[in-house]
Structure formats: C-alpha cells, structure tokens
Protein backbone atom coordinates (compact mmCIF):
# COMPACT_ATOMS: atom_id res chain seq x y z
CA UNK A 1 16.15 -30.27 14.03
CA UNK A 2 13.89 -31.09 11.09
CA UNK A 3 12.41 -28.78 8.48
CA UNK A 4 8.95 -28.82 10.04
CA UNK A 5 10.25 -27.62 13.39
CA UNK A 6 12.21 -24.85 11.70
CA UNK A 7 9.14 -23.74 9.74
CA UNK A 8 6.95 -23.75 12.87
CA UNK A 9 9.47 -21.72 14.81
CA UNK A 10 9.88 -19.25 11.94
CA UNK A 11 6.12 -18.77 11.63
CA UNK A 12 5.62 -18.26 15.36
CA UNK A 13 8.58 -15.86 15.56
CA UNK A 14 7.07 -13.89 12.68
CA UNK A 15 3.88 -13.59 14.76
CA UNK A 16 5.79 -11.76 17.51
CA UNK A 17 7.42 -9.38 15.04
CA UNK A 18 4.01 -8.63 13.50
CA UNK A 19 2.78 -7.70 16.98
CA UNK A 20 5.73 -5.38 17.29
CA UNK A 21 4.97 -3.76 13.96
CA UNK A 22 1.33 -3.14 14.90
CA UNK A 23 2.21 -1.57 18.24
CA UNK A 24 4.23 1.33 16.84
CA UNK A 25 3.95 3.68 19.81
CA UNK A 26 4.90 1.00 22.32
CA UNK A 27 7.76 -0.10 20.10
CA UNK A 28 9.05 3.45 19.71
CA UNK A 29 9.11 4.17 23.43
CA UNK A 30 10.41 0.71 24.21
CA UNK A 31 13.41 1.23 21.95
CA UNK A 32 14.20 4.80 22.97
CA UNK A 33 13.39 4.79 26.67
CA UNK A 34 16.89 3.44 27.53
CA UNK A 35 18.37 6.44 25.72
CA UNK A 36 16.44 8.74 28.08
CA UNK A 37 17.80 6.80 31.06
CA UNK A 38 21.34 7.23 29.75
CA UNK A 39 20.91 10.97 29.42
CA UNK A 40 19.08 11.30 32.74
CA UNK A 41 21.52 9.32 34.90
CA UNK A 42 24.54 10.59 33.03
CA UNK A 43 23.57 14.22 33.55
CA UNK A 44 22.15 13.93 37.03
CA UNK A 45 24.98 12.03 38.69
CA UNK A 46 27.98 13.35 36.78
CA UNK A 47 28.28 16.42 39.01
CA UNK A 48 28.16 14.30 42.14
CA UNK A 49 30.99 12.08 40.91
CA UNK A 50 33.20 15.08 40.14
CA UNK A 51 33.22 15.70 43.89
CA UNK A 52 33.59 11.98 44.67
CA UNK A 53 35.76 10.53 41.89
CA UNK A 54 35.66 6.90 40.80
CA UNK A 55 38.25 4.51 42.27
CA UNK A 56 41.74 4.63 40.73
CA UNK A 57 41.22 1.38 38.76
CA UNK A 58 38.80 3.21 36.44
CA UNK A 59 41.30 5.96 35.67
CA UNK A 60 39.99 9.31 34.49
CA UNK A 61 36.90 8.04 32.65
CA UNK A 62 33.73 10.08 32.70
CA UNK A 63 30.77 8.97 34.79
CA UNK A 64 28.74 8.72 31.61
CA UNK A 65 31.20 6.12 30.27
CA UNK A 66 31.08 4.33 33.62
CA UNK A 67 27.28 3.94 33.68
CA UNK A 68 26.91 3.00 29.99
CA UNK A 69 27.31 -0.68 30.83
CA UNK A 70 24.78 -0.33 33.65
CA UNK A 71 22.18 1.22 31.35
CA UNK A 72 22.79 -1.47 28.72
CA UNK A 73 22.30 -4.19 31.33
CA UNK A 74 19.20 -2.53 32.78
CA UNK A 75 17.73 -2.29 29.28
CA UNK A 76 18.39 -5.95 28.52
CA UNK A 77 16.93 -7.07 31.85
CA UNK A 78 13.80 -4.93 31.38
CA UNK A 79 13.01 -6.37 27.96
CA UNK A 80 13.92 -9.93 28.85
CA UNK A 81 12.01 -10.14 32.12
CA UNK A 82 8.92 -8.78 30.36
CA UNK A 83 9.30 -11.35 27.60
CA UNK A 84 6.79 -13.76 29.15
CA UNK A 85 3.93 -11.24 29.31
CA UNK A 86 2.42 -12.21 25.91
CA UNK A 87 2.36 -15.87 27.03
CA UNK A 88 0.43 -14.74 30.11
CA UNK A 89 -2.20 -12.94 28.02
CA UNK A 90 -2.36 -15.86 25.58
CA UNK A 91 -3.03 -18.14 28.55
CA UNK A 92 -5.75 -15.85 29.94
CA UNK A 93 -7.67 -15.47 26.68
CA UNK A 94 -7.41 -19.15 25.76
CA UNK A 95 -5.19 -18.72 22.70
CA UNK A 96 -2.28 -20.58 24.29
CA UNK A 97 -4.53 -23.59 24.82
CA UNK A 98 -5.42 -23.54 21.11
CA UNK A 99 -1.73 -23.39 20.19
CA UNK A 100 -0.96 -26.31 22.46
CA UNK A 101 -3.75 -28.31 20.79
CA UNK A 102 -2.41 -27.53 17.30
CA UNK A 103 -0.24 -30.10 15.48
CA UNK A 104 3.01 -28.26 16.18
CA UNK A 105 5.88 -28.97 18.49
CA UNK A 106 5.50 -27.20 21.76
CA UNK A 107 9.20 -26.44 21.85
CA UNK A 108 8.63 -24.14 18.85
CA UNK A 109 6.34 -21.94 20.99
CA UNK A 110 9.10 -21.40 23.55
CA UNK A 111 11.93 -21.06 21.06
CA UNK A 112 10.09 -18.51 18.93
CA UNK A 113 9.47 -16.22 21.89
CA UNK A 114 13.01 -16.71 23.11
CA UNK A 115 14.49 -15.72 19.72
CA UNK A 116 12.25 -12.66 19.49
CA UNK A 117 13.17 -11.36 22.94
CA UNK A 118 16.85 -11.96 22.34
CA UNK A 119 16.72 -9.99 19.06
CA UNK A 120 14.66 -7.11 20.45
CA UNK A 121 16.84 -6.75 23.55
CA UNK A 122 20.05 -6.79 21.50
CA UNK A 123 18.75 -4.00 19.23
CA UNK A 124 17.87 -1.93 22.30
CA UNK A 125 21.31 -2.47 23.79
CA UNK A 126 23.02 -1.50 20.53
CA UNK A 127 20.99 1.71 20.41
CA UNK A 128 22.23 2.60 23.92
CA UNK A 129 25.83 1.99 22.84
CA UNK A 130 25.31 4.06 19.70
CA UNK A 131 23.93 7.03 21.65
CA UNK A 132 26.73 6.71 24.21
CA UNK A 133 29.21 6.88 21.33
CA UNK A 134 27.52 10.04 20.04
CA UNK A 135 27.82 11.53 23.54
CA UNK A 136 31.54 10.83 23.54
CA UNK A 137 31.83 7.40 25.14
CA UNK A 138 34.35 5.27 23.30
CA UNK A 139 34.89 1.53 23.64
CA UNK A 140 38.50 1.18 24.77
CA UNK A 141 38.71 -2.28 23.17
CA UNK A 142 37.68 -0.85 19.80
CA UNK A 143 35.51 -2.60 17.25
CA UNK A 144 36.85 -5.99 18.29
CA UNK A 145 35.34 -5.44 21.74
CA UNK A 146 31.77 -5.28 20.37
CA UNK A 147 31.41 -9.08 19.89
CA UNK A 148 32.42 -9.56 23.53
CA UNK A 149 29.86 -7.00 24.62
CA UNK A 150 27.22 -8.76 22.49
CA UNK A 151 28.11 -12.09 24.11
CA UNK A 152 27.40 -10.73 27.59
CA UNK A 153 24.20 -9.10 26.38
CA UNK A 154 22.95 -12.42 25.00
CA UNK A 155 23.93 -14.39 28.13
CA UNK A 156 22.17 -11.96 30.44
CA UNK A 157 19.12 -11.82 28.20
CA UNK A 158 18.86 -15.61 28.03
CA UNK A 159 18.66 -16.06 31.79
CA UNK A 160 16.05 -13.38 32.37
CA UNK A 161 13.99 -14.50 29.38
CA UNK A 162 13.81 -18.02 30.80
CA UNK A 163 12.83 -16.59 34.19
CA UNK A 164 10.06 -14.53 32.63
CA UNK A 165 8.67 -17.41 30.59
CA UNK A 166 8.63 -19.59 33.70
CA UNK A 167 6.67 -16.91 35.55
CA UNK A 168 4.13 -16.81 32.73
CA UNK A 169 3.35 -20.50 33.21
CA UNK A 170 3.54 -20.54 37.03
CA UNK A 171 1.45 -17.46 37.84
CA UNK A 172 -2.33 -17.34 37.66
CA UNK A 173 -2.85 -13.87 36.22
CA UNK A 174 -1.15 -10.85 34.73
CA UNK A 175 -1.72 -8.77 37.86
CA UNK A 176 0.59 -11.04 39.85
CA UNK A 177 3.08 -11.03 36.98
CA UNK A 178 3.28 -7.23 36.91
CA UNK A 179 3.52 -7.05 40.69
CA UNK A 180 6.52 -9.40 40.76
CA UNK A 181 8.00 -7.61 37.75
CA UNK A 182 7.90 -4.28 39.54
CA UNK A 183 9.28 -5.80 42.72
CA UNK A 184 12.28 -7.42 40.99
CA UNK A 185 13.53 -4.90 38.47
CA UNK A 186 14.20 -1.81 40.57
CA UNK A 187 16.05 -3.55 43.46
CA UNK A 188 18.09 -5.65 41.02
CA UNK A 189 19.18 -2.53 39.18
CA UNK A 190 20.13 -0.44 42.21
CA UNK A 191 21.69 -3.32 44.19
CA UNK A 192 24.30 -3.90 41.50
CA UNK A 193 27.37 -2.16 40.18
CA UNK A 194 25.31 -0.41 37.46
CA UNK A 195 25.58 3.08 38.95
CA UNK A 196 28.35 2.81 41.56
CA UNK A 197 31.43 0.60 42.01
CA UNK A 198 30.89 -2.33 44.35
CA UNK A 199 33.77 -1.27 46.59
CA UNK A 200 31.97 1.96 47.51
CA UNK A 201 28.88 0.09 48.82
CA UNK A 202 28.22 -0.87 52.45
CA UNK A 203 29.11 -4.49 53.26
CA UNK A 204 25.53 -5.82 53.12
CA UNK A 205 24.92 -4.29 49.71
CA UNK A 206 28.24 -5.61 48.45
CA UNK A 207 27.20 -9.15 49.35
CA UNK A 208 23.79 -8.63 47.71
CA UNK A 209 25.47 -7.22 44.58
CA UNK A 210 27.67 -10.30 44.19
CA UNK A 211 24.52 -12.46 44.30
CA UNK A 212 22.90 -10.29 41.63
CA UNK A 213 23.27 -11.52 37.99
CA UNK A 214 23.20 -7.93 36.76
CA UNK A 215 26.56 -7.35 38.48
CA UNK A 216 28.20 -9.99 36.29
CA UNK A 217 26.64 -8.59 33.15
CA UNK A 218 27.94 -5.11 34.02
CA UNK A 219 31.41 -6.46 34.75
CA UNK A 220 31.59 -8.18 31.39
CA UNK A 221 30.29 -5.20 29.38
CA UNK A 222 32.10 -2.43 31.31
CA UNK A 223 35.52 -4.07 30.99
CA UNK A 224 35.95 -3.67 27.18
CA UNK A 225 34.38 -0.19 27.32
CA UNK A 226 36.63 1.23 30.03
CA UNK A 227 39.67 -1.06 30.28
CA UNK A 228 40.15 -2.35 26.76
CA UNK A 229 42.36 -5.43 26.57
CA UNK A 230 44.22 -4.95 29.83
CA UNK A 231 44.81 -7.77 32.30
CA UNK A 232 42.20 -6.41 34.71
CA UNK A 233 39.67 -6.29 31.87
CA UNK A 234 40.19 -9.99 31.15
CA UNK A 235 39.78 -10.69 34.86
CA UNK A 236 36.48 -8.78 35.01
CA UNK A 237 35.22 -10.49 31.87
CA UNK A 238 36.16 -13.90 33.26
CA UNK A 239 34.25 -13.27 36.47
CA UNK A 240 31.32 -11.88 34.53
CA UNK A 241 31.25 -14.86 32.17
CA UNK A 242 31.37 -17.36 35.01
CA UNK A 243 28.59 -15.60 36.94
CA UNK A 244 26.28 -15.42 33.94
CA UNK A 245 26.91 -19.03 32.96
CA UNK A 246 25.95 -20.14 36.46
CA UNK A 247 22.83 -17.95 36.33
CA UNK A 248 21.80 -19.25 32.88
CA UNK A 249 22.43 -22.88 33.89
CA UNK A 250 20.22 -22.45 36.97
CA UNK A 251 17.44 -20.79 34.95
CA UNK A 252 17.64 -23.50 32.25
CA UNK A 253 17.48 -26.28 34.85
CA UNK A 254 14.41 -24.74 36.44
CA UNK A 255 12.78 -23.87 33.11
CA UNK A 256 13.00 -27.43 31.76
CA UNK A 257 11.12 -28.70 34.79
CA UNK A 258 8.49 -25.98 34.67
CA UNK A 259 7.86 -26.30 30.94
CA UNK A 260 7.65 -30.10 31.10
CA UNK A 261 5.09 -29.94 33.86
CA UNK A 262 2.89 -27.31 32.23
CA UNK A 263 3.18 -28.27 28.56
CA UNK A 264 2.77 -32.04 28.73
C-alpha cells in the first residue's frame, strides 16, 4: 500500500464525513434512532416475558438485557446495508463516472466508503450499549468483553456493507435499491434470535434463523453481555464467529467479482 493510495483513501473518506457533518438532522436521528428502539422494545415486551420467562440457560436476566444484543445487531445491519446508497446517487447523477475517470485507484473509492460505514456503525452500536448500561444492563464479561463485542460488530458490518455496495453497482436506480432494502431488513431482524430465543420458535423459523447472519451476530454479542466468560458463552461466541466468517467470505467472494466487472 503506497502513500498515494493512502492519501486518496483518506481524502475520499473525508468526503463522506463532510457529508455527515452537513446533514445534521439526518445524522442526529440516525445515531439516536436505535436508542428509541431499545426503549420501545424493552418496555413493550418486558411485561410479556414476565409471564413467559426466558429459557433457563439465560438465568434471571431482564428482557431488556436479553434484547440489547438484538438492537445492536439491528442497528449495525441498518447502517451497513444502507452504506451503498451514496454510490447509487453518485452513479445516477454522473459523479461516479467522473471519479472513475480521475487518476486515482478505484480501490480507494470502495475502501473509503467501507471505512466510513464501519466507523459510523460502530459508533451507533456503542451508543446503544451506553444507553443500555444507563438503563441497568451490565456486561457480564466486564470491560474485557467490549473488544469481543466490537469484533462481532465489525464482522457483521463488513458483510452487510459489501452486500450494499454490490447492490449499488448491480441495480439500475435508487427506487429498486430502497425496495430491496425494505424487503430485506425487517424479515432479517424478526427471523433471528434478536427478540426471542431460537428454541422458542416454530421449526420453520428456527431453520430460517440459522441461515440468517444476524443470528450469529446476536450470538456473539449476547454471550459476553449475559453469560460472561462461562463455557456456554465461549460456545456461543465460537458459533457466532464461524457463522459471520462464512457470511463475510461469501460476500467478499461475490463483491470481488461484481466490482471487477463494473469498475474495469
């Protein structure tokens, strides 16, 4: 990686952060919307789960603590899968074509957006964890568990960011992009272990949940929050890590082929 490539990537990444700075209202609601979801789901479903307690493996944890990982994962997915939208608008208004004609490496275009989305999503996720802490949710693994949580956040974000950037190059217009975005996000969230344990789902939904990358992100993040450093926590984190690595590898394999075809 030479100095020119680093400089190009830094300049293009700065462009995305300048956009963020200029869109204050959108930035504000984008950062704090997940906090509303945490309060909404935590309050609305807590009473229901007092009548139908969580399985024994989760002990006596509150439902708010249980869904914290699910809200974190939903937040990361939402930001990451929307990460390709600016590329779509750049393509529609002709600015992407100008960038591709400029004397810069095309990899810097992709890497700059990737770094921006990863940073923004991580900040959102940390805000969710901070609010959850204020509301009384403690990470059983302590401070040392935070790097593990961050690892799963980054792995989940990477896969969905690649998926979003591929969509930006494959689709013809932003209308199709938003339609697919709306179709994907809600089913992925609800057909996962974000709000309920997998073992409480009907068989068909259990199978779908194990095919859902969000499930593996929730497993990896929920384990240090609820189970600390116990043996079952390591088991959940191992399954989560394996699932996300497979998902990221698949997205990377597809993305390389898509980007080569559309950027050459």
